[in-house]
PDB file of N, CA and C in Angstrom:
ATOM      1  N   MET A   1       0.902  -1.169   0.141  1.00  0.00           N
ATOM      2  CA  MET A   1      -0.031   0.176  -0.149  1.00  0.00           C
ATOM      3  C   MET A   1       0.739   0.957  -0.068  1.00  0.00           C
ATOM      4  N   LYS A   2       0.676   1.910  -0.858  1.00  0.00           N
ATOM      5  CA  LYS A   2       1.293   3.239  -0.903  1.00  0.00           C
ATOM      6  C   LYS A   2       0.688   4.332   0.510  1.00  0.00           C
ATOM      7  N   THR A   3       1.988   4.946   0.803  1.00  0.00           N
ATOM      8  CA  THR A   3       1.636   5.933   2.001  1.00  0.00           C
ATOM      9  C   THR A   3       2.030   7.578   1.444  1.00  0.00           C
ATOM     10  N   TYR A   4       1.165   8.149   1.817  1.00  0.00           N
ATOM     11  CA  TYR A   4       1.518   9.505   1.398  1.00  0.00           C
ATOM     12  C   TYR A   4       1.598  10.063   2.936  1.00  0.00           C
ATOM     13  N   ARG A   5       2.838  11.258   2.755  1.00  0.00           N
ATOM     14  CA  ARG A   5       3.399  11.351   3.979  1.00  0.00           C
ATOM     15  C   ARG A   5       3.419  13.108   3.893  1.00  0.00           C
ATOM     16  N   ARG A   6       3.421  13.379   2.605  1.00  0.00           N
ATOM     17  CA  ARG A   6       3.751  14.928   2.574  1.00  0.00           C
ATOM     18  C   ARG A   6       2.859  15.472   1.479  1.00  0.00           C
ATOM     19  N   HIS A   7       2.133  16.524   1.709  1.00  0.00           N
ATOM     20  CA  HIS A   7       1.415  17.138   0.555  1.00  0.00           C
ATOM     21  C   HIS A   7       1.800  18.957   0.267  1.00  0.00           C
ATOM     22  N   TYR A   8       1.016  19.333  -0.786  1.00  0.00           N
ATOM     23  CA  TYR A   8       1.271  20.436  -1.184  1.00  0.00           C
ATOM     24  C   TYR A   8       1.398  21.411  -0.522  1.00  0.00           C
ATOM     25  N   CYS A   9       1.117  21.705   0.928  1.00  0.00           N
ATOM     26  CA  CYS A   9       1.078  23.110   1.431  1.00  0.00           C
ATOM     27  C   CYS A   9       1.637  22.566   2.861  1.00  0.00           C
ATOM     28  N   GLN A  10       2.175  23.596   4.004  1.00  0.00           N
ATOM     29  CA  GLN A  10       3.146  23.196   4.895  1.00  0.00           C
ATOM     30  C   GLN A  10       1.972  23.201   5.962  1.00  0.00           C
ATOM     31  N   ARG A  11       0.788  23.349   6.156  1.00  0.00           N
ATOM     32  CA  ARG A  11      -0.136  23.248   7.177  1.00  0.00           C
ATOM     33  C   ARG A  11      -0.757  21.920   7.935  1.00  0.00           C
ATOM     34  N   GLN A  12      -1.235  22.400   9.166  1.00  0.00           N
ATOM     35  CA  GLN A  12      -1.334  20.823   9.906  1.00  0.00           C
ATOM     36  C   GLN A  12      -3.133  21.044   9.759  1.00  0.00           C
ATOM     37  N   HIS A  13      -3.316  20.131   8.944  1.00  0.00           N
ATOM     38  CA  HIS A  13      -4.442  19.650   8.971  1.00  0.00           C
ATOM     39  C   HIS A  13      -5.534  18.844   9.577  1.00  0.00           C
ATOM     40  N   ARG A  14      -6.821  19.247  10.139  1.00  0.00           N
ATOM     41  CA  ARG A  14      -7.345  19.083  11.058  1.00  0.00           C
ATOM     42  C   ARG A  14      -8.181  17.597  10.870  1.00  0.00           C
ATOM     43  N   THR A  15      -8.634  17.427   9.720  1.00  0.00           N
ATOM     44  CA  THR A  15      -8.997  16.107   9.472  1.00  0.00           C
ATOM     45  C   THR A  15      -8.246  15.529   8.347  1.00  0.00           C
ATOM     46  N   HIS A  16      -8.356  14.190   7.897  1.00  0.00           N
ATOM     47  CA  HIS A  16      -7.907  13.924   6.918  1.00  0.00           C
ATOM     48  C   HIS A  16      -8.785  14.263   5.204  1.00  0.00           C
ATOM     49  N   HIS A  17     -10.112  14.853   5.632  1.00  0.00           N
ATOM     50  CA  HIS A  17     -10.661  14.921   4.199  1.00  0.00           C
ATOM     51  C   HIS A  17     -10.005  16.343   3.748  1.00  0.00           C
ATOM     52  N   THR A  18      -9.483  17.521   4.853  1.00  0.00           N
ATOM     53  CA  THR A  18      -9.003  18.570   4.163  1.00  0.00           C
ATOM     54  C   THR A  18      -7.616  18.244   3.975  1.00  0.00           C
ATOM     55  N   THR A  19      -6.744  17.180   4.413  1.00  0.00           N
ATOM     56  CA  THR A  19      -5.365  16.618   3.888  1.00  0.00           C
ATOM     57  C   THR A  19      -5.841  15.653   2.346  1.00  0.00           C
ATOM     58  N   ALA A  20      -7.091  15.311   2.072  1.00  0.00           N
ATOM     59  CA  ALA A  20      -7.093  14.986   0.653  1.00  0.00           C
ATOM     60  C   ALA A  20      -7.171  15.902  -0.046  1.00  0.00           C
ATOM     61  N   LYS A  21      -8.068  16.975   0.228  1.00  0.00           N
ATOM     62  CA  LYS A  21      -8.142  17.860  -0.841  1.00  0.00           C
ATOM     63  C   LYS A  21      -6.876  18.855  -1.440  1.00  0.00           C
ATOM     64  N   CYS A  22      -6.359  18.715  -0.073  1.00  0.00           N
ATOM     65  CA  CYS A  22      -4.374  19.361  -0.650  1.00  0.00           C
ATOM     66  C   CYS A  22      -3.811  18.159  -1.383  1.00  0.00           C
ATOM     67  N   LEU A  23      -3.714  16.757  -1.190  1.00  0.00           N
ATOM     68  CA  LEU A  23      -3.210  15.980  -2.142  1.00  0.00           C
ATOM     69  C   LEU A  23      -3.741  15.609  -3.371  1.00  0.00           C
ATOM     70  N   TRP A  24      -5.038  15.693  -3.734  1.00  0.00           N
ATOM     71  CA  TRP A  24      -5.709  15.704  -4.992  1.00  0.00           C
ATOM     72  C   TRP A  24      -6.428  16.693  -5.272  1.00  0.00           C
ATOM     73  N   PRO A  25      -6.108  18.320  -5.646  1.00  0.00           N
ATOM     74  CA  PRO A  25      -6.706  19.204  -5.926  1.00  0.00           C
ATOM     75  C   PRO A  25      -7.692  19.141  -6.781  1.00  0.00           C
ATOM     76  N   ARG A  26      -7.387  18.374  -7.937  1.00  0.00           N
ATOM     77  CA  ARG A  26      -8.318  17.921  -9.054  1.00  0.00           C
ATOM     78  C   ARG A  26      -9.256  17.218  -8.761  1.00  0.00           C
ATOM     79  N   ALA A  27      -9.402  16.531  -8.355  1.00  0.00           N
ATOM     80  CA  ALA A  27     -10.510  15.122  -7.671  1.00  0.00           C
ATOM     81  C   ALA A  27     -11.966  16.024  -7.974  1.00  0.00           C
ATOM     82  N   VAL A  28     -12.614  15.246  -8.807  1.00  0.00           N
ATOM     83  CA  VAL A  28     -13.765  15.863  -8.710  1.00  0.00           C
ATOM     84  C   VAL A  28     -14.632  15.480  -7.419  1.00  0.00           C
ATOM     85  N   TRP A  29     -14.478  14.528  -6.801  1.00  0.00           N
ATOM     86  CA  TRP A  29     -14.744  14.361  -5.558  1.00  0.00           C
ATOM     87  C   TRP A  29     -14.240  13.662  -4.020  1.00  0.00           C
ATOM     88  N   ILE A  30     -14.453  14.012  -3.109  1.00  0.00           N
ATOM     89  CA  ILE A  30     -13.705  13.485  -2.007  1.00  0.00           C
ATOM     90  C   ILE A  30     -14.960  12.901  -0.837  1.00  0.00           C
ATOM     91  N   THR A  31     -14.920  11.914  -0.237  1.00  0.00           N
ATOM     92  CA  THR A  31     -16.238  11.588   0.918  1.00  0.00           C
ATOM     93  C   THR A  31     -15.617  10.719   1.445  1.00  0.00           C
ATOM     94  N   GLY A  32     -16.097  10.846   2.894  1.00  0.00           N
ATOM     95  CA  GLY A  32     -15.987  10.076   3.916  1.00  0.00           C
ATOM     96  C   GLY A  32     -14.954  10.571   4.785  1.00  0.00           C
ATOM     97  N   GLU A  33     -14.073   9.752   5.624  1.00  0.00           N
ATOM     98  CA  GLU A  33     -13.205  10.646   6.975  1.00  0.00           C
ATOM     99  C   GLU A  33     -12.500   9.199   7.010  1.00  0.00           C
ATOM    100  N   GLY A  34     -11.497   9.749   6.985  1.00  0.00           N
ATOM    101  CA  GLY A  34     -10.291   8.402   7.759  1.00  0.00           C
ATOM    102  C   GLY A  34      -9.291   8.319   6.749  1.00  0.00           C
ATOM    103  N   PRO A  35      -7.750   7.745   7.490  1.00  0.00           N
ATOM    104  CA  PRO A  35      -6.903   7.963   6.826  1.00  0.00           C
ATOM    105  C   PRO A  35      -6.351   7.043   5.365  1.00  0.00           C
ATOM    106  N   TYR A  36      -7.419   5.779   5.109  1.00  0.00           N
ATOM    107  CA  TYR A  36      -7.132   5.160   4.240  1.00  0.00           C
ATOM    108  C   TYR A  36      -7.955   5.702   2.860  1.00  0.00           C
ATOM    109  N   ALA A  37      -7.379   5.866   2.091  1.00  0.00           N
ATOM    110  CA  ALA A  37      -8.020   6.364   0.907  1.00  0.00           C
ATOM    111  C   ALA A  37      -8.031   5.503  -0.560  1.00  0.00           C
ATOM    112  N   THR A  38      -9.515   5.237  -0.888  1.00  0.00           N
ATOM    113  CA  THR A  38      -9.700   4.390  -2.042  1.00  0.00           C
ATOM    114  C   THR A  38      -9.939   5.537  -3.359  1.00  0.00           C
ATOM    115  N   LEU A  39      -9.050   5.231  -4.252  1.00  0.00           N
ATOM    116  CA  LEU A  39      -8.823   6.032  -5.517  1.00  0.00           C
ATOM    117  C   LEU A  39      -8.682   5.793  -6.955  1.00  0.00           C
ATOM    118  N   ALA A  40     -10.268   6.283  -7.315  1.00  0.00           N
ATOM    119  CA  ALA A  40     -10.234   5.675  -8.966  1.00  0.00           C
ATOM    120  C   ALA A  40      -9.607   6.722  -9.884  1.00  0.00           C
ATOM    121  N   TRP A  41      -9.141   6.316 -10.492  1.00  0.00           N
ATOM    122  CA  TRP A  41      -8.289   7.203 -11.418  1.00  0.00           C
ATOM    123  C   TRP A  41      -8.936   6.936 -13.087  1.00  0.00           C
ATOM    124  N   CYS A  42     -10.110   7.015 -12.955  1.00  0.00           N
ATOM    125  CA  CYS A  42     -10.744   6.489 -14.122  1.00  0.00           C
ATOM    126  C   CYS A  42     -10.900   7.649 -14.876  1.00  0.00           C
ATOM    127  N   ARG A  43     -12.169   8.255 -15.675  1.00  0.00           N
ATOM    128  CA  ARG A  43     -12.286   9.025 -16.463  1.00  0.00           C
ATOM    129  C   ARG A  43     -12.059  10.363 -15.727  1.00  0.00           C
ATOM    130  N   VAL A  44     -12.378  10.802 -14.422  1.00  0.00           N
ATOM    131  CA  VAL A  44     -12.708  11.560 -13.183  1.00  0.00           C
ATOM    132  C   VAL A  44     -11.772  10.635 -12.277  1.00  0.00           C
ATOM    133  N   LEU A  45     -11.059  11.576 -11.475  1.00  0.00           N
ATOM    134  CA  LEU A  45     -10.640  11.183 -10.154  1.00  0.00           C
ATOM    135  C   LEU A  45     -11.670  11.226  -9.048  1.00  0.00           C
ATOM    136  N   SER A  46     -11.976  10.175  -8.533  1.00  0.00           N
ATOM    137  CA  SER A  46     -12.666  10.127  -7.495  1.00  0.00           C
ATOM    138  C   SER A  46     -12.090   9.473  -6.096  1.00  0.00           C
ATOM    139  N   VAL A  47     -12.174   9.837  -5.049  1.00  0.00           N
ATOM    140  CA  VAL A  47     -11.365   9.651  -3.619  1.00  0.00           C
ATOM    141  C   VAL A  47     -12.811   9.483  -2.695  1.00  0.00           C
ATOM    142  N   MET A  48     -12.433   8.263  -1.904  1.00  0.00           N
ATOM    143  CA  MET A  48     -13.026   7.837  -0.784  1.00  0.00           C
ATOM    144  C   MET A  48     -12.546   7.216   0.295  1.00  0.00           C
ATOM    145  N   LEU A  49     -12.695   8.114   1.596  1.00  0.00           N
ATOM    146  CA  LEU A  49     -11.934   7.928   2.785  1.00  0.00           C
ATOM    147  C   LEU A  49     -12.310   6.896   3.696  1.00  0.00           C
ATOM    148  N   HIS A  50     -12.207   6.388   3.979  1.00  0.00           N
ATOM    149  CA  HIS A  50     -12.495   5.156   5.281  1.00  0.00           C
ATOM    150  C   HIS A  50     -11.445   5.107   6.355  1.00  0.00           C
ATOM    151  N   PRO A  51     -12.204   5.004   7.743  1.00  0.00           N
ATOM    152  CA  PRO A  51     -11.184   5.057   8.941  1.00  0.00           C
ATOM    153  C   PRO A  51     -10.473   4.172   9.194  1.00  0.00           C
ATOM    154  N   THR A  52     -10.892   2.571   8.482  1.00  0.00           N
ATOM    155  CA  THR A  52     -10.045   1.541   8.645  1.00  0.00           C
ATOM    156  C   THR A  52      -9.423   0.622   7.355  1.00  0.00           C
ATOM    157  N   GLU A  53      -8.568   0.255   7.618  1.00  0.00           N
ATOM    158  CA  GLU A  53      -7.801  -0.638   6.381  1.00  0.00           C
ATOM    159  C   GLU A  53      -8.968  -1.488   5.864  1.00  0.00           C
ATOM    160  N   ALA A  54      -9.747  -2.556   6.782  1.00  0.00           N
ATOM    161  CA  ALA A  54     -10.134  -3.499   6.234  1.00  0.00           C
ATOM    162  C   ALA A  54     -11.779  -2.998   5.341  1.00  0.00           C
ATOM    163  N   GLU A  55     -12.068  -1.447   5.405  1.00  0.00           N
ATOM    164  CA  GLU A  55     -13.070  -0.960   4.897  1.00  0.00           C
ATOM    165  C   GLU A  55     -12.833  -0.732   3.782  1.00  0.00           C
ATOM    166  N   ALA A  56     -11.464  -0.114   3.796  1.00  0.00           N
ATOM    167  CA  ALA A  56     -10.959   0.574   2.514  1.00  0.00           C
ATOM    168  C   ALA A  56     -10.922  -0.696   1.726  1.00  0.00           C
ATOM    169  N   LEU A  57     -10.118  -1.655   2.107  1.00  0.00           N
ATOM    170  CA  LEU A  57      -9.577  -2.813   1.330  1.00  0.00           C
ATOM    171  C   LEU A  57     -11.072  -3.462   0.802  1.00  0.00           C
ATOM    172  N   ALA A  58     -12.104  -3.413   1.711  1.00  0.00           N
ATOM    173  CA  ALA A  58     -13.619  -3.929   0.523  1.00  0.00           C
ATOM    174  C   ALA A  58     -13.995  -2.985  -0.341  1.00  0.00           C
ATOM    175  N   ALA A  59     -13.773  -1.637  -0.307  1.00  0.00           N
ATOM    176  CA  ALA A  59     -14.513  -1.156  -1.052  1.00  0.00           C
ATOM    177  C   ALA A  59     -13.787  -0.864  -2.351  1.00  0.00           C
ATOM    178  N   LYS A  60     -12.187  -1.063  -2.260  1.00  0.00           N
ATOM    179  CA  LYS A  60     -11.472  -1.282  -3.886  1.00  0.00           C
ATOM    180  C   LYS A  60     -11.763  -2.778  -4.296  1.00  0.00           C
ATOM    181  N   HIS A  61     -12.209  -3.605  -3.218  1.00  0.00           N
ATOM    182  CA  HIS A  61     -12.414  -4.914  -3.701  1.00  0.00           C
ATOM    183  C   HIS A  61     -13.744  -4.859  -4.456  1.00  0.00           C
ATOM    184  N   LEU A  62     -14.694  -4.284  -4.069  1.00  0.00           N
ATOM    185  CA  LEU A  62     -16.079  -4.002  -4.854  1.00  0.00           C
ATOM    186  C   LEU A  62     -15.670  -3.146  -6.252  1.00  0.00           C
ATOM    187  N   ILE A  63     -15.131  -1.960  -6.215  1.00  0.00           N
ATOM    188  CA  ILE A  63     -14.574  -1.083  -7.638  1.00  0.00           C
ATOM    189  C   ILE A  63     -13.942  -2.050  -8.217  1.00  0.00           C
ATOM    190  N   ASP A  64     -13.168  -2.707  -7.960  1.00  0.00           N
ATOM    191  CA  ASP A  64     -12.168  -3.752  -8.939  1.00  0.00           C
ATOM    192  C   ASP A  64     -13.072  -4.628  -9.251  1.00  0.00           C
ATOM    193  N   SER A  65     -14.267  -5.155  -8.729  1.00  0.00           N
ATOM    194  CA  SER A  65     -14.819  -6.289  -9.347  1.00  0.00           C
ATOM    195  C   SER A  65     -15.794  -6.164 -10.045  1.00  0.00           C
ATOM    196  N   THR A  66     -16.664  -4.598  -9.757  1.00  0.00           N
ATOM    197  CA  THR A  66     -17.636  -4.344 -10.554  1.00  0.00           C
ATOM    198  C   THR A  66     -17.766  -2.952 -11.226  1.00  0.00           C
ATOM    199  N   GLY A  67     -16.377  -2.304 -11.173  1.00  0.00           N
ATOM    200  CA  GLY A  67     -16.125  -1.088 -11.819  1.00  0.00           C
ATOM    201  C   GLY A  67     -16.583   0.051 -11.336  1.00  0.00           C
ATOM    202  N   CYS A  68     -15.973   0.946 -11.466  1.00  0.00           N
ATOM    203  CA  CYS A  68     -16.488   2.393 -10.735  1.00  0.00           C
ATOM    204  C   CYS A  68     -17.791   3.328 -11.797  1.00  0.00           C
ATOM    205  N   GLY A  69     -18.032   2.986 -12.915  1.00  0.00           N
ATOM    206  CA  GLY A  69     -18.509   3.652 -13.738  1.00  0.00           C
ATOM    207  C   GLY A  69     -18.530   3.149 -15.410  1.00  0.00           C
ATOM    208  N   GLY A  70     -19.193   4.005 -16.334  1.00  0.00           N
ATOM    209  CA  GLY A  70     -19.544   3.723 -17.466  1.00  0.00           C
ATOM    210  C   GLY A  70     -18.176   3.697 -18.326  1.00  0.00           C
ATOM    211  N   ARG A  71     -17.077   4.475 -17.774  1.00  0.00           N
ATOM    212  CA  ARG A  71     -15.834   4.286 -18.639  1.00  0.00           C
ATOM    213  C   ARG A  71     -14.760   4.107 -17.268  1.00  0.00           C
ATOM    214  N   CYS A  72     -15.004   2.725 -16.951  1.00  0.00           N
ATOM    215  CA  CYS A  72     -13.584   2.235 -15.889  1.00  0.00           C
ATOM    216  C   CYS A  72     -12.809   1.666 -16.566  1.00  0.00           C
ATOM    217  N   ASN A  73     -11.720   2.387 -16.419  1.00  0.00           N
ATOM    218  CA  ASN A  73     -10.491   1.363 -17.190  1.00  0.00           C
ATOM    219  C   ASN A  73      -9.509   0.418 -15.673  1.00  0.00           C
ATOM    220  N   ARG A  74      -9.976   0.574 -14.514  1.00  0.00           N
ATOM    221  CA  ARG A  74      -9.488  -0.065 -13.625  1.00  0.00           C
ATOM    222  C   ARG A  74      -8.362   0.083 -13.038  1.00  0.00           C
ATOM    223  N   ARG A  75      -7.941   1.511 -12.966  1.00  0.00           N
ATOM    224  CA  ARG A  75      -7.201   2.219 -12.331  1.00  0.00           C
ATOM    225  C   ARG A  75      -7.552   2.673 -10.770  1.00  0.00           C
ATOM    226  N   HIS A  76      -7.734   2.154  -9.964  1.00  0.00           N
ATOM    227  CA  HIS A  76      -7.710   2.178  -8.799  1.00  0.00           C
ATOM    228  C   HIS A  76      -6.829   1.858  -7.844  1.00  0.00           C
ATOM    229  N   GLU A  77      -6.391   2.038  -6.579  1.00  0.00           N
ATOM    230  CA  GLU A  77      -5.737   2.127  -5.722  1.00  0.00           C
ATOM    231  C   GLU A  77      -5.973   2.293  -4.476  1.00  0.00           C
ATOM    232  N   LEU A  78      -5.125   2.001  -3.423  1.00  0.00           N
ATOM    233  CA  LEU A  78      -5.816   2.217  -2.122  1.00  0.00           C
ATOM    234  C   LEU A  78      -4.367   3.000  -1.664  1.00  0.00           C
ATOM    235  N   ILE A  79      -4.299   3.829  -0.808  1.00  0.00           N
ATOM    236  CA  ILE A  79      -3.387   5.005  -0.219  1.00  0.00           C
ATOM    237  C   ILE A  79      -3.692   5.230   1.418  1.00  0.00           C
ATOM    238  N   LEU A  80      -2.703   5.507   1.955  1.00  0.00           N
ATOM    239  CA  LEU A  80      -2.647   5.580   3.710  1.00  0.00           C
ATOM    240  C   LEU A  80      -2.230   6.880   3.672  1.00  0.00           C
ATOM    241  N   ILE A  81      -3.295   7.803   4.119  1.00  0.00           N
ATOM    242  CA  ILE A  81      -2.590   9.324   4.482  1.00  0.00           C
ATOM    243  C   ILE A  81      -2.113   9.327   5.983  1.00  0.00           C
ATOM    244  N   ALA A  82      -0.809   9.314   5.780  1.00  0.00           N
ATOM    245  CA  ALA A  82      -0.369   9.445   7.026  1.00  0.00           C
ATOM    246  C   ALA A  82       0.762  10.688   7.211  1.00  0.00           C
ATOM    247  N   THR A  83      -0.294  11.662   7.358  1.00  0.00           N
ATOM    248  CA  THR A  83       0.267  13.103   7.492  1.00  0.00           C
ATOM    249  C   THR A  83       0.112  13.483   9.125  1.00  0.00           C
ATOM    250  N   GLY A  84       0.671  14.766   8.753  1.00  0.00           N
ATOM    251  CA  GLY A  84       0.347  14.978  10.874  1.00  0.00           C
ATOM    252  C   GLY A  84      -1.129  15.755  10.960  1.00  0.00           C
ATOM    253  N   VAL A  85      -2.269  15.130  10.753  1.00  0.00           N
ATOM    254  CA  VAL A  85      -3.538  15.261  10.920  1.00  0.00           C
ATOM    255  C   VAL A  85      -3.911  15.283  12.833  1.00  0.00           C
ATOM    256  N   THR A  86      -4.368  16.793  13.188  1.00  0.00           N
ATOM    257  CA  THR A  86      -4.060  17.215  14.458  1.00  0.00           C
ATOM    258  C   THR A  86      -5.397  16.301  15.176  1.00  0.00           C
ATOM    259  N   ARG A  87      -6.320  15.634  14.469  1.00  0.00           N
ATOM    260  CA  ARG A  87      -6.837  14.796  15.336  1.00  0.00           C
ATOM    261  C   ARG A  87      -6.695  13.233  15.530  1.00  0.00           C
TER     262      ARG A  87
END
């Protein structure tokens, strides 16, 4: 699993959601909360955040097996956001 420790600004974000906005500013949507992110790099970037690794793996397995939309090209990944979130 990839681990992201740095992002574009030097701020200490309060939530993983705001950190994700810094990490992926061009994401069409970011939903959820937690340090584990499933990313779908298909037609547009979409990010789902999860509180546990098990939930993130289940979500990735689901989009890997069923696809994430009409133009899914199976470019999905799981990332741990290990930045200095203050919560």
